PDB file of N, CA and C in Angstrom:
ATOM      1  N   MET A   1     -34.523  -2.450  -0.005  1.00  0.00           N
ATOM      2  CA  MET A   1     -35.605  -1.565  -0.312  1.00  0.00           C
ATOM      3  C   MET A   1     -35.682   0.061   0.329  1.00  0.00           C
ATOM      4  N   GLU A   2     -35.397  -0.123   1.547  1.00  0.00           N
ATOM      5  CA  GLU A   2     -35.357   1.299   2.507  1.00  0.00           C
ATOM      6  C   GLU A   2     -34.211   2.253   1.767  1.00  0.00           C
ATOM      7  N   ALA A   3     -33.095   1.294   1.446  1.00  0.00           N
ATOM      8  CA  ALA A   3     -32.049   2.201   0.873  1.00  0.00           C
ATOM      9  C   ALA A   3     -32.433   2.847  -0.148  1.00  0.00           C
ATOM     10  N   GLY A   4     -33.102   2.225  -1.161  1.00  0.00           N
ATOM     11  CA  GLY A   4     -33.911   3.038  -2.395  1.00  0.00           C
ATOM     12  C   GLY A   4     -34.624   4.288  -2.025  1.00  0.00           C
ATOM     13  N   ILE A   5     -35.255   4.128  -1.050  1.00  0.00           N
ATOM     14  CA  ILE A   5     -36.481   5.044  -0.605  1.00  0.00           C
ATOM     15  C   ILE A   5     -35.736   6.192  -0.045  1.00  0.00           C
ATOM     16  N   ILE A   6     -34.442   5.954   0.877  1.00  0.00           N
ATOM     17  CA  ILE A   6     -33.685   7.010   1.420  1.00  0.00           C
ATOM     18  C   ILE A   6     -33.122   7.976   0.255  1.00  0.00           C
ATOM     19  N   MET A   7     -32.643   6.897  -0.719  1.00  0.00           N
ATOM     20  CA  MET A   7     -31.819   7.644  -1.774  1.00  0.00           C
ATOM     21  C   MET A   7     -32.864   8.711  -2.883  1.00  0.00           C
ATOM     22  N   ALA A   8     -33.807   8.132  -2.967  1.00  0.00           N
ATOM     23  CA  ALA A   8     -35.070   8.965  -3.510  1.00  0.00           C
ATOM     24  C   ALA A   8     -35.451  10.181  -2.718  1.00  0.00           C
ATOM     25  N   ASN A   9     -35.439   9.992  -1.661  1.00  0.00           N
ATOM     26  CA  ASN A   9     -35.641  11.302  -1.006  1.00  0.00           C
ATOM     27  C   ASN A   9     -34.723  12.156  -0.805  1.00  0.00           C
ATOM     28  N   PHE A  10     -33.601  11.597  -0.765  1.00  0.00           N
ATOM     29  CA  PHE A  10     -32.261  12.595  -0.744  1.00  0.00           C
ATOM     30  C   PHE A  10     -31.995  13.331  -1.981  1.00  0.00           C
ATOM     31  N   VAL A  11     -32.650  12.739  -3.375  1.00  0.00           N
ATOM     32  CA  VAL A  11     -32.388  12.983  -4.551  1.00  0.00           C
ATOM     33  C   VAL A  11     -33.401  14.376  -4.678  1.00  0.00           C
ATOM     34  N   TYR A  12     -34.493  13.935  -4.239  1.00  0.00           N
ATOM     35  CA  TYR A  12     -35.736  15.031  -3.983  1.00  0.00           C
ATOM     36  C   TYR A  12     -35.113  16.296  -3.316  1.00  0.00           C
ATOM     37  N   ALA A  13     -34.671  15.949  -2.041  1.00  0.00           N
ATOM     38  CA  ALA A  13     -34.262  17.226  -1.302  1.00  0.00           C
ATOM     39  C   ALA A  13     -33.064  18.371  -1.823  1.00  0.00           C
ATOM     40  N   ILE A  14     -32.111  17.210  -2.620  1.00  0.00           N
ATOM     41  CA  ILE A  14     -31.258  17.994  -3.529  1.00  0.00           C
ATOM     42  C   ILE A  14     -31.698  18.979  -4.548  1.00  0.00           C
ATOM     43  N   PHE A  15     -32.705  18.393  -5.392  1.00  0.00           N
ATOM     44  CA  PHE A  15     -33.694  18.915  -6.395  1.00  0.00           C
ATOM     45  C   PHE A  15     -34.187  19.933  -5.593  1.00  0.00           C
ATOM     46  N   GLY A  16     -34.987  20.152  -4.544  1.00  0.00           N
ATOM     47  CA  GLY A  16     -35.539  20.839  -4.169  1.00  0.00           C
ATOM     48  C   GLY A  16     -34.810  21.971  -3.667  1.00  0.00           C
ATOM     49  N   VAL A  17     -33.467  21.890  -3.044  1.00  0.00           N
ATOM     50  CA  VAL A  17     -32.644  22.677  -2.860  1.00  0.00           C
ATOM     51  C   VAL A  17     -32.171  23.624  -3.751  1.00  0.00           C
ATOM     52  N   ILE A  18     -31.613  22.768  -4.906  1.00  0.00           N
ATOM     53  CA  ILE A  18     -31.434  23.432  -6.155  1.00  0.00           C
ATOM     54  C   ILE A  18     -32.145  24.686  -6.560  1.00  0.00           C
ATOM     55  N   LEU A  19     -33.422  24.074  -6.880  1.00  0.00           N
ATOM     56  CA  LEU A  19     -34.366  24.886  -7.405  1.00  0.00           C
ATOM     57  C   LEU A  19     -34.840  26.058  -6.562  1.00  0.00           C
ATOM     58  N   THR A  20     -34.733  26.017  -5.373  1.00  0.00           N
ATOM     59  CA  THR A  20     -34.873  26.894  -4.134  1.00  0.00           C
ATOM     60  C   THR A  20     -34.044  27.809  -4.637  1.00  0.00           C
ATOM     61  N   LEU A  21     -32.847  27.777  -4.400  1.00  0.00           N
ATOM     62  CA  LEU A  21     -31.303  28.565  -4.811  1.00  0.00           C
ATOM     63  C   LEU A  21     -31.564  29.287  -6.343  1.00  0.00           C
ATOM     64  N   ILE A  22     -31.869  28.484  -6.928  1.00  0.00           N
ATOM     65  CA  ILE A  22     -32.070  29.053  -8.275  1.00  0.00           C
ATOM     66  C   ILE A  22     -32.870  30.214  -8.381  1.00  0.00           C
ATOM     67  N   PHE A  23     -34.710  30.099  -7.558  1.00  0.00           N
ATOM     68  CA  PHE A  23     -35.401  31.056  -7.510  1.00  0.00           C
ATOM     69  C   PHE A  23     -34.839  32.182  -6.746  1.00  0.00           C
ATOM     70  N   MET A  24     -34.180  31.811  -5.553  1.00  0.00           N
ATOM     71  CA  MET A  24     -33.735  32.798  -4.936  1.00  0.00           C
ATOM     72  C   MET A  24     -32.879  33.888  -5.621  1.00  0.00           C
ATOM     73  N   LEU A  25     -31.894  33.093  -6.515  1.00  0.00           N
ATOM     74  CA  LEU A  25     -31.001  34.178  -6.967  1.00  0.00           C
ATOM     75  C   LEU A  25     -31.643  34.992  -8.486  1.00  0.00           C
ATOM     76  N   LEU A  26     -32.433  34.115  -8.967  1.00  0.00           N
ATOM     77  CA  LEU A  26     -33.286  34.814  -9.909  1.00  0.00           C
ATOM     78  C   LEU A  26     -34.136  36.079  -9.697  1.00  0.00           C
ATOM     79  N   GLY A  27     -34.799  35.987  -8.318  1.00  0.00           N
ATOM     80  CA  GLY A  27     -35.419  36.821  -7.465  1.00  0.00           C
ATOM     81  C   GLY A  27     -34.312  37.854  -7.447  1.00  0.00           C
ATOM     82  N   PHE A  28     -33.447  37.436  -6.705  1.00  0.00           N
ATOM     83  CA  PHE A  28     -32.369  38.785  -5.968  1.00  0.00           C
ATOM     84  C   PHE A  28     -32.214  39.503  -7.456  1.00  0.00           C
ATOM     85  N   LYS A  29     -31.344  38.644  -8.586  1.00  0.00           N
ATOM     86  CA  LYS A  29     -30.960  39.569  -9.715  1.00  0.00           C
ATOM     87  C   LYS A  29     -32.030  40.326 -10.566  1.00  0.00           C
ATOM     88  N   LEU A  30     -33.344  40.033 -10.334  1.00  0.00           N
ATOM     89  CA  LEU A  30     -34.637  40.839 -11.002  1.00  0.00           C
ATOM     90  C   LEU A  30     -34.715  41.863 -10.214  1.00  0.00           C
ATOM     91  N   PHE A  31     -34.707  41.797  -8.684  1.00  0.00           N
ATOM     92  CA  PHE A  31     -34.646  42.676  -7.823  1.00  0.00           C
ATOM     93  C   PHE A  31     -33.731  43.955  -7.903  1.00  0.00           C
ATOM     94  N   ASP A  32     -32.590  43.107  -8.178  1.00  0.00           N
ATOM     95  CA  ASP A  32     -31.374  44.426  -8.442  1.00  0.00           C
ATOM     96  C   ASP A  32     -31.848  45.279  -9.673  1.00  0.00           C
ATOM     97  N   ARG A  33     -31.991  44.300 -10.821  1.00  0.00           N
ATOM     98  CA  ARG A  33     -32.395  44.994 -11.979  1.00  0.00           C
ATOM     99  C   ARG A  33     -33.336  46.014 -11.828  1.00  0.00           C
ATOM    100  N   VAL A  34     -34.551  45.754 -11.443  1.00  0.00           N
ATOM    101  CA  VAL A  34     -35.609  46.847 -11.497  1.00  0.00           C
ATOM    102  C   VAL A  34     -35.221  48.152 -10.324  1.00  0.00           C
ATOM    103  N   THR A  35     -34.522  47.733  -9.532  1.00  0.00           N
ATOM    104  CA  THR A  35     -34.296  49.080  -8.334  1.00  0.00           C
ATOM    105  C   THR A  35     -32.965  49.479  -9.053  1.00  0.00           C
ATOM    106  N   PRO A  36     -33.009  51.107  -8.890  1.00  0.00           N
ATOM    107  CA  PRO A  36     -31.947  51.879  -9.295  1.00  0.00           C
ATOM    108  C   PRO A  36     -30.902  51.797  -8.243  1.00  0.00           C
ATOM    109  N   PHE A  37     -30.853  50.859  -7.459  1.00  0.00           N
ATOM    110  CA  PHE A  37     -29.699  51.169  -6.388  1.00  0.00           C
ATOM    111  C   PHE A  37     -29.315  49.569  -5.931  1.00  0.00           C
ATOM    112  N   ASP A  38     -27.950  49.810  -5.583  1.00  0.00           N
ATOM    113  CA  ASP A  38     -27.315  48.490  -4.820  1.00  0.00           C
ATOM    114  C   ASP A  38     -28.080  48.011  -3.694  1.00  0.00           C
ATOM    115  N   THR A  39     -28.542  46.579  -4.003  1.00  0.00           N
ATOM    116  CA  THR A  39     -29.234  46.277  -2.794  1.00  0.00           C
ATOM    117  C   THR A  39     -28.284  46.183  -1.734  1.00  0.00           C
ATOM    118  N   SER A  40     -27.230  45.366  -1.939  1.00  0.00           N
ATOM    119  CA  SER A  40     -25.959  45.263  -0.655  1.00  0.00           C
ATOM    120  C   SER A  40     -25.677  46.620   0.201  1.00  0.00           C
ATOM    121  N   LYS A  41     -25.721  47.734  -0.532  1.00  0.00           N
ATOM    122  CA  LYS A  41     -25.118  48.957   0.048  1.00  0.00           C
ATOM    123  C   LYS A  41     -26.537  49.310   0.483  1.00  0.00           C
ATOM    124  N   GLN A  42     -27.767  49.200   0.144  1.00  0.00           N
ATOM    125  CA  GLN A  42     -28.633  50.055   0.836  1.00  0.00           C
ATOM    126  C   GLN A  42     -29.026  48.852   2.116  1.00  0.00           C
ATOM    127  N   LEU A  43     -28.914  47.558   2.075  1.00  0.00           N
ATOM    128  CA  LEU A  43     -29.097  46.936   3.169  1.00  0.00           C
ATOM    129  C   LEU A  43     -27.735  47.254   4.537  1.00  0.00           C
ATOM    130  N   SER A  44     -26.809  47.535   4.027  1.00  0.00           N
ATOM    131  CA  SER A  44     -25.999  47.993   4.903  1.00  0.00           C
ATOM    132  C   SER A  44     -26.288  49.313   5.705  1.00  0.00           C
ATOM    133  N   ASP A  45     -26.423  50.206   4.543  1.00  0.00           N
ATOM    134  CA  ASP A  45     -26.918  51.309   5.056  1.00  0.00           C
ATOM    135  C   ASP A  45     -28.328  51.464   6.034  1.00  0.00           C
ATOM    136  N   ASN A  46     -28.777  50.121   6.467  1.00  0.00           N
ATOM    137  CA  ASN A  46     -30.243  50.122   7.452  1.00  0.00           C
ATOM    138  C   ASN A  46     -31.304  50.589   6.514  1.00  0.00           C
ATOM    139  N   ASN A  47     -31.573  50.407   5.180  1.00  0.00           N
ATOM    140  CA  ASN A  47     -32.501  51.119   4.385  1.00  0.00           C
ATOM    141  C   ASN A  47     -33.909  49.692   4.996  1.00  0.00           C
ATOM    142  N   ILE A  48     -34.751  50.281   5.475  1.00  0.00           N
ATOM    143  CA  ILE A  48     -35.895  49.572   6.072  1.00  0.00           C
ATOM    144  C   ILE A  48     -36.427  48.765   4.835  1.00  0.00           C
ATOM    145  N   ALA A  49     -36.870  49.441   3.788  1.00  0.00           N
ATOM    146  CA  ALA A  49     -37.828  48.790   2.559  1.00  0.00           C
ATOM    147  C   ALA A  49     -37.128  47.869   2.261  1.00  0.00           C
ATOM    148  N   VAL A  50     -35.620  47.733   1.742  1.00  0.00           N
ATOM    149  CA  VAL A  50     -35.007  46.980   1.167  1.00  0.00           C
ATOM    150  C   VAL A  50     -34.875  45.583   2.297  1.00  0.00           C
ATOM    151  N   GLY A  51     -34.701  45.977   3.478  1.00  0.00           N
ATOM    152  CA  GLY A  51     -34.866  44.999   4.445  1.00  0.00           C
ATOM    153  C   GLY A  51     -36.101  43.884   4.665  1.00  0.00           C
ATOM    154  N   ILE A  52     -36.916  44.912   4.333  1.00  0.00           N
ATOM    155  CA  ILE A  52     -38.583  44.426   4.503  1.00  0.00           C
ATOM    156  C   ILE A  52     -38.837  43.384   3.314  1.00  0.00           C
ATOM    157  N   VAL A  53     -38.118  43.476   2.086  1.00  0.00           N
ATOM    158  CA  VAL A  53     -38.161  42.929   0.990  1.00  0.00           C
ATOM    159  C   VAL A  53     -37.375  41.554   1.036  1.00  0.00           C
ATOM    160  N   VAL A  54     -36.472  41.737   1.406  1.00  0.00           N
ATOM    161  CA  VAL A  54     -35.291  40.449   1.881  1.00  0.00           C
ATOM    162  C   VAL A  54     -35.765  39.652   3.110  1.00  0.00           C
ATOM    163  N   GLY A  55     -36.509  40.288   3.965  1.00  0.00           N
ATOM    164  CA  GLY A  55     -36.889  39.526   5.324  1.00  0.00           C
ATOM    165  C   GLY A  55     -38.535  38.676   4.674  1.00  0.00           C
ATOM    166  N   SER A  56     -39.195  39.589   3.649  1.00  0.00           N
ATOM    167  CA  SER A  56     -40.232  38.694   3.361  1.00  0.00           C
ATOM    168  C   SER A  56     -40.075  37.506   2.378  1.00  0.00           C
ATOM    169  N   ILE A  57     -38.937  37.599   1.646  1.00  0.00           N
ATOM    170  CA  ILE A  57     -38.495  36.499   0.694  1.00  0.00           C
ATOM    171  C   ILE A  57     -38.040  35.324   1.501  1.00  0.00           C
ATOM    172  N   PHE A  58     -37.094  35.721   2.886  1.00  0.00           N
ATOM    173  CA  PHE A  58     -36.591  34.841   3.710  1.00  0.00           C
ATOM    174  C   PHE A  58     -37.968  33.991   4.541  1.00  0.00           C
ATOM    175  N   ILE A  59     -38.661  34.758   4.971  1.00  0.00           N
ATOM    176  CA  ILE A  59     -39.936  34.427   5.768  1.00  0.00           C
ATOM    177  C   ILE A  59     -40.932  33.217   4.840  1.00  0.00           C
ATOM    178  N   GLY A  60     -41.233  33.660   3.642  1.00  0.00           N
ATOM    179  CA  GLY A  60     -41.836  32.707   2.622  1.00  0.00           C
ATOM    180  C   GLY A  60     -41.278  31.466   2.528  1.00  0.00           C
ATOM    181  N   LEU A  61     -39.627  31.650   2.330  1.00  0.00           N
ATOM    182  CA  LEU A  61     -39.080  30.419   2.120  1.00  0.00           C
ATOM    183  C   LEU A  61     -39.324  29.347   3.450  1.00  0.00           C
ATOM    184  N   GLY A  62     -38.800  30.403   4.584  1.00  0.00           N
ATOM    185  CA  GLY A  62     -38.921  29.570   5.813  1.00  0.00           C
ATOM    186  C   GLY A  62     -40.353  28.690   5.989  1.00  0.00           C
ATOM    187  N   ILE A  63     -41.525  29.198   6.045  1.00  0.00           N
ATOM    188  CA  ILE A  63     -42.820  28.534   5.703  1.00  0.00           C
ATOM    189  C   ILE A  63     -42.749  27.556   4.719  1.00  0.00           C
ATOM    190  N   GLY A  64     -42.268  28.048   3.610  1.00  0.00           N
ATOM    191  CA  GLY A  64     -42.040  26.624   2.407  1.00  0.00           C
ATOM    192  C   GLY A  64     -41.729  25.684   3.059  1.00  0.00           C
ATOM    193  N   VAL A  65     -40.451  25.503   3.702  1.00  0.00           N
ATOM    194  CA  VAL A  65     -39.754  24.806   3.877  1.00  0.00           C
ATOM    195  C   VAL A  65     -40.392  23.623   5.098  1.00  0.00           C
ATOM    196  N   TYR A  66     -40.655  24.447   6.067  1.00  0.00           N
ATOM    197  CA  TYR A  66     -41.502  23.961   7.214  1.00  0.00           C
ATOM    198  C   TYR A  66     -42.433  23.121   6.645  1.00  0.00           C
ATOM    199  N   LEU A  67     -43.542  23.573   5.945  1.00  0.00           N
ATOM    200  CA  LEU A  67     -44.674  22.922   5.283  1.00  0.00           C
ATOM    201  C   LEU A  67     -44.008  21.849   4.564  1.00  0.00           C
ATOM    202  N   ASP A  68     -43.343  21.739   3.805  1.00  0.00           N
ATOM    203  CA  ASP A  68     -42.770  20.691   3.150  1.00  0.00           C
ATOM    204  C   ASP A  68     -42.375  19.410   4.060  1.00  0.00           C
ATOM    205  N   ARG A  69     -41.525  20.060   4.782  1.00  0.00           N
ATOM    206  CA  ARG A  69     -41.288  18.961   5.707  1.00  0.00           C
ATOM    207  C   ARG A  69     -42.443  18.318   6.680  1.00  0.00           C
ATOM    208  N   ARG A  70     -43.406  18.948   6.867  1.00  0.00           N
ATOM    209  CA  ARG A  70     -44.377  18.616   7.818  1.00  0.00           C
ATOM    210  C   ARG A  70     -45.470  17.937   7.145  1.00  0.00           C
ATOM    211  N   PHE A  71     -45.694  18.105   5.596  1.00  0.00           N
ATOM    212  CA  PHE A  71     -46.601  17.548   4.909  1.00  0.00           C
ATOM    213  C   PHE A  71     -45.838  16.609   3.519  1.00  0.00           C
ATOM    214  N   ASP A  72     -44.543  16.527   3.838  1.00  0.00           N
ATOM    215  CA  ASP A  72     -43.577  15.598   2.697  1.00  0.00           C
ATOM    216  C   ASP A  72     -43.999  15.924   1.378  1.00  0.00           C
ATOM    217  N   THR A  73     -44.034  17.314   1.091  1.00  0.00           N
ATOM    218  CA  THR A  73     -44.460  17.491  -0.200  1.00  0.00           C
ATOM    219  C   THR A  73     -43.333  18.348  -1.216  1.00  0.00           C
ATOM    220  N   THR A  74     -41.942  18.157  -0.289  1.00  0.00           N
ATOM    221  CA  THR A  74     -40.900  18.759  -1.264  1.00  0.00           C
ATOM    222  C   THR A  74     -40.588  18.671  -2.605  1.00  0.00           C
ATOM    223  N   PRO A  75     -40.443  19.699  -3.273  1.00  0.00           N
ATOM    224  CA  PRO A  75     -40.082  21.334  -3.060  1.00  0.00           C
ATOM    225  C   PRO A  75     -41.509  22.127  -3.401  1.00  0.00           C
ATOM    226  N   TRP A  76     -42.765  21.540  -3.479  1.00  0.00           N
ATOM    227  CA  TRP A  76     -43.902  22.338  -4.035  1.00  0.00           C
ATOM    228  C   TRP A  76     -43.925  23.490  -3.440  1.00  0.00           C
ATOM    229  N   LEU A  77     -44.539  23.156  -1.824  1.00  0.00           N
ATOM    230  CA  LEU A  77     -44.808  24.337  -0.923  1.00  0.00           C
ATOM    231  C   LEU A  77     -43.591  25.450  -0.661  1.00  0.00           C
ATOM    232  N   THR A  78     -42.366  24.964  -0.928  1.00  0.00           N
ATOM    233  CA  THR A  78     -41.279  25.630  -0.485  1.00  0.00           C
ATOM    234  C   THR A  78     -41.202  26.703  -2.062  1.00  0.00           C
ATOM    235  N   LEU A  79     -41.374  26.012  -3.066  1.00  0.00           N
ATOM    236  CA  LEU A  79     -41.471  27.159  -4.176  1.00  0.00           C
ATOM    237  C   LEU A  79     -42.869  28.009  -4.215  1.00  0.00           C
ATOM    238  N   VAL A  80     -43.991  27.436  -3.950  1.00  0.00           N
ATOM    239  CA  VAL A  80     -45.056  28.636  -3.530  1.00  0.00           C
ATOM    240  C   VAL A  80     -44.950  29.492  -2.529  1.00  0.00           C
ATOM    241  N   PHE A  81     -44.054  29.120  -1.622  1.00  0.00           N
ATOM    242  CA  PHE A  81     -44.346  30.368  -0.490  1.00  0.00           C
ATOM    243  C   PHE A  81     -43.082  31.084  -1.012  1.00  0.00           C
ATOM    244  N   LEU A  82     -42.117  30.884  -1.477  1.00  0.00           N
ATOM    245  CA  LEU A  82     -40.757  31.491  -1.958  1.00  0.00           C
ATOM    246  C   LEU A  82     -41.405  32.500  -2.703  1.00  0.00           C
ATOM    247  N   GLY A  83     -42.448  32.335  -3.909  1.00  0.00           N
ATOM    248  CA  GLY A  83     -43.194  33.003  -4.700  1.00  0.00           C
ATOM    249  C   GLY A  83     -44.115  34.031  -4.063  1.00  0.00           C
ATOM    250  N   PHE A  84     -44.294  33.703  -2.855  1.00  0.00           N
ATOM    251  CA  PHE A  84     -45.356  34.335  -2.063  1.00  0.00           C
ATOM    252  C   PHE A  84     -44.523  35.469  -1.411  1.00  0.00           C
ATOM    253  N   GLY A  85     -43.513  35.158  -0.931  1.00  0.00           N
ATOM    254  CA  GLY A  85     -42.520  36.002  -0.208  1.00  0.00           C
ATOM    255  C   GLY A  85     -41.961  36.750  -1.132  1.00  0.00           C
ATOM    256  N   ILE A  86     -41.498  36.775  -2.432  1.00  0.00           N
ATOM    257  CA  ILE A  86     -41.010  37.662  -3.287  1.00  0.00           C
ATOM    258  C   ILE A  86     -42.146  38.593  -3.906  1.00  0.00           C
ATOM    259  N   ALA A  87     -43.387  38.194  -3.791  1.00  0.00           N
ATOM    260  CA  ALA A  87     -44.363  39.161  -4.189  1.00  0.00           C
ATOM    261  C   ALA A  87     -44.891  39.927  -3.341  1.00  0.00           C
ATOM    262  N   ALA A  88     -44.840  39.381  -2.084  1.00  0.00           N
ATOM    263  CA  ALA A  88     -45.028  40.321  -0.789  1.00  0.00           C
ATOM    264  C   ALA A  88     -44.000  41.477  -0.716  1.00  0.00           C
ATOM    265  N   GLY A  89     -42.562  40.899  -0.789  1.00  0.00           N
ATOM    266  CA  GLY A  89     -41.911  41.890  -1.157  1.00  0.00           C
ATOM    267  C   GLY A  89     -41.890  43.080  -2.051  1.00  0.00           C
ATOM    268  N   TYR A  90     -42.086  42.768  -3.262  1.00  0.00           N
ATOM    269  CA  TYR A  90     -42.339  43.617  -4.207  1.00  0.00           C
ATOM    270  C   TYR A  90     -43.390  44.421  -4.251  1.00  0.00           C
ATOM    271  N   ARG A  91     -44.398  43.683  -3.270  1.00  0.00           N
ATOM    272  CA  ARG A  91     -46.013  44.722  -3.210  1.00  0.00           C
ATOM    273  C   ARG A  91     -45.636  45.681  -2.188  1.00  0.00           C
ATOM    274  N   ASN A  92     -44.390  45.479  -1.176  1.00  0.00           N
ATOM    275  CA  ASN A  92     -44.710  46.494  -0.060  1.00  0.00           C
ATOM    276  C   ASN A  92     -43.415  47.753  -0.882  1.00  0.00           C
ATOM    277  N   ILE A  93     -42.621  47.278  -1.867  1.00  0.00           N
ATOM    278  CA  ILE A  93     -41.664  47.875  -2.333  1.00  0.00           C
ATOM    279  C   ILE A  93     -42.675  49.200  -3.236  1.00  0.00           C
ATOM    280  N   GLY A  94     -43.723  48.445  -3.789  1.00  0.00           N
ATOM    281  CA  GLY A  94     -44.537  49.305  -4.603  1.00  0.00           C
ATOM    282  C   GLY A  94     -45.493  49.996  -3.880  1.00  0.00           C
ATOM    283  N   LEU A  95     -45.757  49.975  -2.581  1.00  0.00           N
ATOM    284  CA  LEU A  95     -46.317  50.419  -1.538  1.00  0.00           C
ATOM    285  C   LEU A  95     -45.511  51.979  -0.904  1.00  0.00           C
ATOM    286  N   ALA A  96     -44.353  51.631  -0.483  1.00  0.00           N
ATOM    287  CA  ALA A  96     -43.272  52.653  -0.306  1.00  0.00           C
ATOM    288  C   ALA A  96     -43.253  53.534  -1.342  1.00  0.00           C
ATOM    289  N   ILE A  97     -43.152  53.046  -2.630  1.00  0.00           N
ATOM    290  CA  ILE A  97     -42.788  54.242  -3.489  1.00  0.00           C
ATOM    291  C   ILE A  97     -44.253  55.071  -3.814  1.00  0.00           C
ATOM    292  N   LYS A  98     -45.280  53.879  -3.760  1.00  0.00           N
ATOM    293  CA  LYS A  98     -46.596  55.060  -3.876  1.00  0.00           C
ATOM    294  C   LYS A  98     -46.598  56.154  -2.861  1.00  0.00           C
ATOM    295  N   LYS A  99     -46.537  55.553  -1.339  1.00  0.00           N
ATOM    296  CA  LYS A  99     -46.632  56.415  -0.362  1.00  0.00           C
ATOM    297  C   LYS A  99     -45.373  57.488  -0.392  1.00  0.00           C
ATOM    298  N   SER A 100     -44.438  57.610  -1.222  1.00  0.00           N
ATOM    299  CA  SER A 100     -43.129  58.229  -1.114  1.00  0.00           C
ATOM    300  C   SER A 100     -43.325  59.431  -1.988  1.00  0.00           C
ATOM    301  N   ARG A 101     -44.487  59.256  -3.226  1.00  0.00           N
ATOM    302  CA  ARG A 101     -44.825  59.912  -4.128  1.00  0.00           C
ATOM    303  C   ARG A 101     -46.190  60.588  -3.905  1.00  0.00           C
ATOM    304  N   LYS A 102     -46.575  60.582  -2.657  1.00  0.00           N
ATOM    305  CA  LYS A 102     -47.837  61.311  -2.214  1.00  0.00           C
ATOM    306  C   LYS A 102     -47.250  62.491  -1.493  1.00  0.00           C
ATOM    307  N   LEU A 103     -46.116  62.083  -0.953  1.00  0.00           N
ATOM    308  CA  LEU A 103     -45.473  63.136   0.400  1.00  0.00           C
ATOM    309  C   LEU A 103     -45.179  64.298  -0.565  1.00  0.00           C
TER     310      LEU A 103
END
């Protein structure tokens, strides 16, 4: 019986990882499409705004993974906080654009 539970948890964890990677890839592709610049080049050029977006996505992902492990809710809190991280990153980009237009 314990082997079945362990196997089910393993399958759920793999499913959560796959969903998380898919959402990360979709978020990155959407970000690359929306922005008129190359994200990788901007990160290598120390563009702070792009770094904040990428950082907020990973912070949201980290919080979600931690909470999933803490409360055994895999993959739901990871997905929720990944969404929060993506939203926070885009919000910061929007604020940066708004601020640069006022200058």
